[in-house]
Amino acid sequence: MTDRIAYALALVLALLLAADLYAQGGAASLYLARKVAVLIDYLAFWR
């Protein structure tokens, strides 16, 4: 992955996070964070 692609992806993620915070008060980000935490716990069980 080149630097240009990494910067573009970081910009897209930042814009999506800002849009979520503006439109829904961060509800979607919180939902995804909780689901990722559950996934990490599930994967840790299988380790």
Protein backbone atom coordinates (compact mmCIF):
# COMPACT_ATOMS: atom_id res chain seq x y z
CA MET A 1 0.00 0.00 0.00
CA THR A 2 1.42 3.33 -0.98
CA ASP A 3 1.37 6.42 1.19
CA ARG A 4 -1.18 8.07 -1.08
CA ILE A 5 -3.64 5.19 -0.65
CA ALA A 6 -3.11 5.14 3.11
CA TYR A 7 -3.73 8.88 3.37
CA ALA A 8 -6.86 8.57 1.24
CA LEU A 9 -8.22 5.76 3.41
CA ALA A 10 -7.46 7.70 6.58
CA LEU A 11 -9.24 10.74 5.14
CA VAL A 12 -12.29 8.66 4.19
CA LEU A 13 -12.44 7.13 7.68
CA ALA A 14 -12.13 10.54 9.31
CA LEU A 15 -14.90 11.95 7.12
CA LEU A 16 -17.18 9.00 7.88
CA LEU A 17 -16.54 9.38 11.60
CA ALA A 18 -17.26 13.12 11.42
CA ALA A 19 -20.45 12.48 9.45
CA ASP A 20 -21.58 9.94 12.04
CA LEU A 21 -20.86 12.33 14.89
CA TYR A 22 -22.75 15.12 13.12
CA ALA A 23 -25.76 13.10 11.93
CA GLN A 24 -26.28 10.56 14.71
CA GLY A 25 -24.21 11.76 17.62
CA GLY A 26 -21.74 8.89 17.22
CA ALA A 27 -24.28 6.10 17.58
CA ALA A 28 -22.96 4.08 14.64
CA SER A 29 -19.37 4.41 15.84
CA LEU A 30 -20.34 3.26 19.31
CA TYR A 31 -22.26 0.30 17.85
CA LEU A 32 -19.27 -0.74 15.75
CA ALA A 33 -16.88 -0.33 18.68
CA ARG A 34 -19.05 -2.62 20.81
CA LYS A 35 -19.25 -5.23 18.03
CA VAL A 36 -15.46 -5.14 17.57
CA ALA A 37 -15.00 -5.65 21.32
CA VAL A 38 -17.27 -8.70 21.19
CA LEU A 39 -15.33 -10.02 18.19
CA ILE A 40 -12.02 -9.58 20.02
CA ASP A 41 -13.38 -11.48 23.02
CA TYR A 42 -14.61 -14.26 20.72
CA LEU A 43 -11.25 -14.51 18.97
CA ALA A 44 -9.39 -14.48 22.28
CA PHE A 45 -11.44 -17.50 23.34
CA TRP A 46 -10.20 -19.48 20.34
CA ARG A 47 -6.57 -18.52 20.87
